[in-house]
């Protein structure tokens, strides 16, 4: 992972940007102190690189929780719509390989893996929607159970009519308005 490091200046700029977002959106992380998060970030350079990838691709990562058992802060992509540089992707590498023509540039699972982040689960997606109205014009692939994926399908979600909708599609499909949201524990 040696090539997955930020310069000191990049790290400082990202931490400043994350702090500004944190302070603007206190409803997302009640009772969590920024100074403790910053210490964790400064001592986890690989995680900081992943957060930078989330930011670089339009995800606007922010803290949405704290896991008392593990001592980890939980970041989700909090951009209003699915991150703009993570759209037009099929679900996973198997789906990408199955496409004979008009292949997308990558898959959601593949790109998340490259970024060292996880796709949101259905439960996490619903948690995110309790913090605001996300994906009102776009949709996001979510982690799909193996029992569905083994049959060729994959799940995606969006927010319409004040409701979270979970849908299915062939894993090989991709659309300009469908991408994925990630999570990262630091």
C-alpha atoms as a PDB file:
ATOM      1  CA  UNK A   1       0.000   0.000   0.000  1.00  0.00           C
ATOM      2  CA  UNK A   2       3.013   2.279  -0.227  1.00  0.00           C
ATOM      3  CA  UNK A   3       1.566   4.187  -3.188  1.00  0.00           C
ATOM      4  CA  UNK A   4      -1.604   4.887  -1.210  1.00  0.00           C
ATOM      5  CA  UNK A   5      -0.287   7.777   0.850  1.00  0.00           C
ATOM      6  CA  UNK A   6      -0.944  11.481   0.805  1.00  0.00           C
ATOM      7  CA  UNK A   7       1.655  14.183   1.098  1.00  0.00           C
ATOM      8  CA  UNK A   8       1.745  16.129   4.363  1.00  0.00           C
ATOM      9  CA  UNK A   9       0.063  19.082   2.635  1.00  0.00           C
ATOM     10  CA  UNK A  10      -2.670  16.870   1.119  1.00  0.00           C
ATOM     11  CA  UNK A  11      -3.305  15.306   4.533  1.00  0.00           C
ATOM     12  CA  UNK A  12      -3.561  18.706   6.209  1.00  0.00           C
ATOM     13  CA  UNK A  13      -5.936  20.019   3.543  1.00  0.00           C
ATOM     14  CA  UNK A  14      -8.166  16.956   3.733  1.00  0.00           C
ATOM     15  CA  UNK A  15      -8.352  17.091   7.527  1.00  0.00           C
ATOM     16  CA  UNK A  16      -9.304  20.785   7.331  1.00  0.00           C
ATOM     17  CA  UNK A  17     -12.012  20.005   4.779  1.00  0.00           C
ATOM     18  CA  UNK A  18     -13.376  17.132   6.866  1.00  0.00           C
ATOM     19  CA  UNK A  19     -13.442  19.348   9.955  1.00  0.00           C
ATOM     20  CA  UNK A  20     -15.426  22.055   8.146  1.00  0.00           C
ATOM     21  CA  UNK A  21     -17.952  19.447   6.953  1.00  0.00           C
ATOM     22  CA  UNK A  22     -18.117  17.946  10.446  1.00  0.00           C
ATOM     23  CA  UNK A  23     -18.887  21.346  11.999  1.00  0.00           C
ATOM     24  CA  UNK A  24     -21.509  22.213   9.345  1.00  0.00           C
ATOM     25  CA  UNK A  25     -23.395  18.947   9.892  1.00  0.00           C
ATOM     26  CA  UNK A  26     -23.435  18.382  13.654  1.00  0.00           C
ATOM     27  CA  UNK A  27     -26.778  16.562  13.420  1.00  0.00           C
ATOM     28  CA  UNK A  28     -24.954  13.651  11.770  1.00  0.00           C
ATOM     29  CA  UNK A  29     -22.680  13.028  14.746  1.00  0.00           C
ATOM     30  CA  UNK A  30     -24.123  14.223  18.039  1.00  0.00           C
ATOM     31  CA  UNK A  31     -21.884  13.768  21.082  1.00  0.00           C
ATOM     32  CA  UNK A  32     -18.754  13.126  18.991  1.00  0.00           C
ATOM     33  CA  UNK A  33     -15.709  15.374  19.403  1.00  0.00           C
ATOM     34  CA  UNK A  34     -13.668  16.440  16.388  1.00  0.00           C
ATOM     35  CA  UNK A  35     -10.331  16.454  18.250  1.00  0.00           C
ATOM     36  CA  UNK A  36     -10.557  12.687  18.877  1.00  0.00           C
ATOM     37  CA  UNK A  37     -11.396  12.036  15.230  1.00  0.00           C
ATOM     38  CA  UNK A  38      -8.495  14.179  14.071  1.00  0.00           C
ATOM     39  CA  UNK A  39      -6.072  12.201  16.266  1.00  0.00           C
ATOM     40  CA  UNK A  40      -7.326   8.951  14.731  1.00  0.00           C
ATOM     41  CA  UNK A  41      -6.989  10.362  11.219  1.00  0.00           C
ATOM     42  CA  UNK A  42      -3.458  11.604  11.806  1.00  0.00           C
ATOM     43  CA  UNK A  43      -2.380   8.168  13.048  1.00  0.00           C
ATOM     44  CA  UNK A  44      -4.108   6.187  10.254  1.00  0.00           C
ATOM     45  CA  UNK A  45      -2.554   7.423   7.025  1.00  0.00           C
ATOM     46  CA  UNK A  46      -3.943   4.549   4.933  1.00  0.00           C
ATOM     47  CA  UNK A  47      -7.477   5.384   6.108  1.00  0.00           C
ATOM     48  CA  UNK A  48      -6.820   9.044   5.393  1.00  0.00           C
ATOM     49  CA  UNK A  49      -5.865   8.053   1.834  1.00  0.00           C
ATOM     50  CA  UNK A  50      -9.191   6.203   1.491  1.00  0.00           C
ATOM     51  CA  UNK A  51     -11.094   9.225   2.786  1.00  0.00           C
ATOM     52  CA  UNK A  52      -9.268  11.330   0.200  1.00  0.00           C
ATOM     53  CA  UNK A  53     -10.410   8.918  -2.514  1.00  0.00           C
ATOM     54  CA  UNK A  54     -13.979   9.249  -1.236  1.00  0.00           C
ATOM     55  CA  UNK A  55     -13.605  13.032  -1.368  1.00  0.00           C
ATOM     56  CA  UNK A  56     -11.844  13.077  -4.746  1.00  0.00           C
ATOM     57  CA  UNK A  57     -14.641  11.078  -6.376  1.00  0.00           C
ATOM     58  CA  UNK A  58     -17.391  13.343  -5.018  1.00  0.00           C
ATOM     59  CA  UNK A  59     -18.524  11.428  -1.940  1.00  0.00           C
ATOM     60  CA  UNK A  60     -18.208  14.195   0.654  1.00  0.00           C
ATOM     61  CA  UNK A  61     -17.387  11.750   3.481  1.00  0.00           C
ATOM     62  CA  UNK A  62     -18.524  12.639   6.988  1.00  0.00           C
ATOM     63  CA  UNK A  63     -18.669  10.985  10.386  1.00  0.00           C
ATOM     64  CA  UNK A  64     -22.027   9.317  10.992  1.00  0.00           C
ATOM     65  CA  UNK A  65     -21.262   7.270  14.097  1.00  0.00           C
ATOM     66  CA  UNK A  66     -18.894   5.760  16.613  1.00  0.00           C
ATOM     67  CA  UNK A  67     -18.556   2.071  17.417  1.00  0.00           C
ATOM     68  CA  UNK A  68     -17.972   1.791  21.166  1.00  0.00           C
ATOM     69  CA  UNK A  69     -16.882  -1.872  20.888  1.00  0.00           C
ATOM     70  CA  UNK A  70     -14.101  -1.248  18.371  1.00  0.00           C
ATOM     71  CA  UNK A  71     -13.322   2.406  19.114  1.00  0.00           C
ATOM     72  CA  UNK A  72     -13.788   3.271  15.439  1.00  0.00           C
ATOM     73  CA  UNK A  73     -15.407   6.308  13.869  1.00  0.00           C
ATOM     74  CA  UNK A  74     -17.726   5.501  10.981  1.00  0.00           C
ATOM     75  CA  UNK A  75     -17.651   7.612   7.818  1.00  0.00           C
ATOM     76  CA  UNK A  76     -20.253   7.435   5.026  1.00  0.00           C
ATOM     77  CA  UNK A  77     -20.394   9.252   1.707  1.00  0.00           C
ATOM     78  CA  UNK A  78     -22.796  12.107   2.456  1.00  0.00           C
ATOM     79  CA  UNK A  79     -23.036  13.822  -0.943  1.00  0.00           C
ATOM     80  CA  UNK A  80     -26.665  14.658  -1.717  1.00  0.00           C
ATOM     81  CA  UNK A  81     -26.589  12.496  -4.857  1.00  0.00           C
ATOM     82  CA  UNK A  82     -24.529   9.396  -5.517  1.00  0.00           C
ATOM     83  CA  UNK A  83     -20.871  10.463  -5.929  1.00  0.00           C
ATOM     84  CA  UNK A  84     -20.448  11.871  -9.439  1.00  0.00           C
ATOM     85  CA  UNK A  85     -17.176  10.124 -10.256  1.00  0.00           C
ATOM     86  CA  UNK A  86     -18.525   6.738  -9.166  1.00  0.00           C
ATOM     87  CA  UNK A  87     -21.451   6.401 -11.568  1.00  0.00           C
ATOM     88  CA  UNK A  88     -22.047   4.255 -14.660  1.00  0.00           C
ATOM     89  CA  UNK A  89     -20.634   1.154 -12.989  1.00  0.00           C
ATOM     90  CA  UNK A  90     -21.954  -2.390 -13.010  1.00  0.00           C
ATOM     91  CA  UNK A  91     -22.087  -4.198  -9.667  1.00  0.00           C
ATOM     92  CA  UNK A  92     -18.934  -6.360  -9.485  1.00  0.00           C
ATOM     93  CA  UNK A  93     -15.983  -7.770 -11.461  1.00  0.00           C
ATOM     94  CA  UNK A  94     -17.918 -10.892 -12.441  1.00  0.00           C
ATOM     95  CA  UNK A  95     -20.620  -8.686 -13.974  1.00  0.00           C
ATOM     96  CA  UNK A  96     -17.994  -6.555 -15.722  1.00  0.00           C
ATOM     97  CA  UNK A  97     -16.376  -9.650 -17.237  1.00  0.00           C
ATOM     98  CA  UNK A  98     -19.778 -10.959 -18.369  1.00  0.00           C
ATOM     99  CA  UNK A  99     -20.476  -7.881 -20.499  1.00  0.00           C
ATOM    100  CA  UNK A 100     -19.428  -8.547 -24.088  1.00  0.00           C
ATOM    101  CA  UNK A 101     -19.863  -4.977 -25.337  1.00  0.00           C
ATOM    102  CA  UNK A 102     -20.402  -1.478 -23.953  1.00  0.00           C
ATOM    103  CA  UNK A 103     -18.464  -2.331 -20.828  1.00  0.00           C
ATOM    104  CA  UNK A 104     -18.427   0.318 -18.103  1.00  0.00           C
ATOM    105  CA  UNK A 105     -15.039   1.563 -16.921  1.00  0.00           C
ATOM    106  CA  UNK A 106     -15.251  -0.382 -13.646  1.00  0.00           C
ATOM    107  CA  UNK A 107     -17.582  -2.039 -11.165  1.00  0.00           C
ATOM    108  CA  UNK A 108     -18.859  -0.708  -7.853  1.00  0.00           C
ATOM    109  CA  UNK A 109     -17.268  -3.535  -5.858  1.00  0.00           C
ATOM    110  CA  UNK A 110     -14.019  -3.211  -7.810  1.00  0.00           C
ATOM    111  CA  UNK A 111     -13.758   0.536  -7.353  1.00  0.00           C
ATOM    112  CA  UNK A 112     -14.645   0.303  -3.642  1.00  0.00           C
ATOM    113  CA  UNK A 113     -11.933  -2.326  -3.226  1.00  0.00           C
ATOM    114  CA  UNK A 114      -9.375  -0.088  -4.960  1.00  0.00           C
ATOM    115  CA  UNK A 115     -10.357   2.715  -2.549  1.00  0.00           C
ATOM    116  CA  UNK A 116     -10.237   0.364   0.476  1.00  0.00           C
ATOM    117  CA  UNK A 117     -13.839   1.188   1.415  1.00  0.00           C
ATOM    118  CA  UNK A 118     -17.032  -0.868   1.636  1.00  0.00           C
ATOM    119  CA  UNK A 119     -20.333  -0.450  -0.170  1.00  0.00           C
ATOM    120  CA  UNK A 120     -23.147   0.557   2.146  1.00  0.00           C
ATOM    121  CA  UNK A 121     -25.374  -2.287   3.268  1.00  0.00           C
ATOM    122  CA  UNK A 122     -29.152  -1.910   3.135  1.00  0.00           C
ATOM    123  CA  UNK A 123     -29.178  -1.162   6.868  1.00  0.00           C
ATOM    124  CA  UNK A 124     -26.445   1.478   6.506  1.00  0.00           C
ATOM    125  CA  UNK A 125     -28.271   3.043   3.549  1.00  0.00           C
ATOM    126  CA  UNK A 126     -31.408   3.367   5.678  1.00  0.00           C
ATOM    127  CA  UNK A 127     -29.307   4.873   8.505  1.00  0.00           C
ATOM    128  CA  UNK A 128     -27.928   7.448   6.059  1.00  0.00           C
ATOM    129  CA  UNK A 129     -31.439   8.413   4.960  1.00  0.00           C
ATOM    130  CA  UNK A 130     -32.337   9.211   8.587  1.00  0.00           C
ATOM    131  CA  UNK A 131     -29.726  11.981   8.398  1.00  0.00           C
ATOM    132  CA  UNK A 132     -31.199  13.691   5.316  1.00  0.00           C
ATOM    133  CA  UNK A 133     -32.680  13.061   1.891  1.00  0.00           C
ATOM    134  CA  UNK A 134     -29.959  11.480  -0.256  1.00  0.00           C
ATOM    135  CA  UNK A 135     -30.250  10.067  -3.784  1.00  0.00           C
ATOM    136  CA  UNK A 136     -33.445  11.909  -4.710  1.00  0.00           C
ATOM    137  CA  UNK A 137     -32.359  11.973  -8.381  1.00  0.00           C
ATOM    138  CA  UNK A 138     -29.782   9.174  -8.465  1.00  0.00           C
ATOM    139  CA  UNK A 139     -29.437   5.663  -7.057  1.00  0.00           C
ATOM    140  CA  UNK A 140     -26.685   3.665  -5.377  1.00  0.00           C
ATOM    141  CA  UNK A 141     -25.638   0.034  -5.567  1.00  0.00           C
ATOM    142  CA  UNK A 142     -25.717  -1.521  -2.089  1.00  0.00           C
ATOM    143  CA  UNK A 143     -24.001  -4.643  -0.803  1.00  0.00           C
ATOM    144  CA  UNK A 144     -25.957  -7.575  -2.181  1.00  0.00           C
ATOM    145  CA  UNK A 145     -26.471 -10.871  -0.346  1.00  0.00           C
ATOM    146  CA  UNK A 146     -24.691 -13.819  -1.992  1.00  0.00           C
ATOM    147  CA  UNK A 147     -28.027 -15.625  -2.458  1.00  0.00           C
ATOM    148  CA  UNK A 148     -29.180 -12.835  -4.815  1.00  0.00           C
ATOM    149  CA  UNK A 149     -25.823 -12.294  -6.488  1.00  0.00           C
ATOM    150  CA  UNK A 150     -25.446 -16.024  -7.203  1.00  0.00           C
ATOM    151  CA  UNK A 151     -28.614 -15.787  -9.310  1.00  0.00           C
ATOM    152  CA  UNK A 152     -27.219 -12.865 -11.339  1.00  0.00           C
ATOM    153  CA  UNK A 153     -28.898 -10.007  -9.498  1.00  0.00           C
ATOM    154  CA  UNK A 154     -27.732  -7.074  -7.424  1.00  0.00           C
ATOM    155  CA  UNK A 155     -29.475  -4.509  -5.207  1.00  0.00           C
ATOM    156  CA  UNK A 156     -29.591  -0.752  -5.429  1.00  0.00           C
ATOM    157  CA  UNK A 157     -31.447   1.923  -3.497  1.00  0.00           C
ATOM    158  CA  UNK A 158     -32.730   5.469  -3.727  1.00  0.00           C
ATOM    159  CA  UNK A 159     -35.033   7.925  -1.957  1.00  0.00           C
ATOM    160  CA  UNK A 160     -38.283   8.949  -3.641  1.00  0.00           C
ATOM    161  CA  UNK A 161     -41.687  10.050  -2.308  1.00  0.00           C
ATOM    162  CA  UNK A 162     -40.218  10.381   1.211  1.00  0.00           C
ATOM    163  CA  UNK A 163     -39.417   6.669   1.149  1.00  0.00           C
ATOM    164  CA  UNK A 164     -36.294   4.521   0.810  1.00  0.00           C
ATOM    165  CA  UNK A 165     -36.744   2.064  -2.044  1.00  0.00           C
ATOM    166  CA  UNK A 166     -34.624  -1.056  -2.463  1.00  0.00           C
ATOM    167  CA  UNK A 167     -34.639  -2.511  -5.979  1.00  0.00           C
ATOM    168  CA  UNK A 168     -32.988  -5.280  -7.936  1.00  0.00           C
ATOM    169  CA  UNK A 169     -31.383  -5.369 -11.342  1.00  0.00           C
ATOM    170  CA  UNK A 170     -29.025  -7.584 -13.275  1.00  0.00           C
ATOM    171  CA  UNK A 171     -25.541  -7.087 -11.856  1.00  0.00           C
ATOM    172  CA  UNK A 172     -24.241  -6.316 -15.376  1.00  0.00           C
ATOM    173  CA  UNK A 173     -26.513  -3.280 -15.752  1.00  0.00           C
ATOM    174  CA  UNK A 174     -25.233   0.247 -15.359  1.00  0.00           C
ATOM    175  CA  UNK A 175     -26.791   3.679 -15.698  1.00  0.00           C
ATOM    176  CA  UNK A 176     -25.506   7.242 -15.730  1.00  0.00           C
ATOM    177  CA  UNK A 177     -27.410   8.024 -12.530  1.00  0.00           C
ATOM    178  CA  UNK A 178     -26.420   4.901 -10.568  1.00  0.00           C
ATOM    179  CA  UNK A 179     -23.207   4.690  -8.615  1.00  0.00           C
ATOM    180  CA  UNK A 180     -22.322   3.620  -5.115  1.00  0.00           C
ATOM    181  CA  UNK A 181     -21.815   5.057  -1.660  1.00  0.00           C
ATOM    182  CA  UNK A 182     -19.080   3.860   0.618  1.00  0.00           C
ATOM    183  CA  UNK A 183     -18.343   3.470   4.283  1.00  0.00           C
ATOM    184  CA  UNK A 184     -15.047   3.506   6.121  1.00  0.00           C
ATOM    185  CA  UNK A 185     -14.127   2.802   9.727  1.00  0.00           C
ATOM    186  CA  UNK A 186     -11.227   4.724  11.249  1.00  0.00           C
END
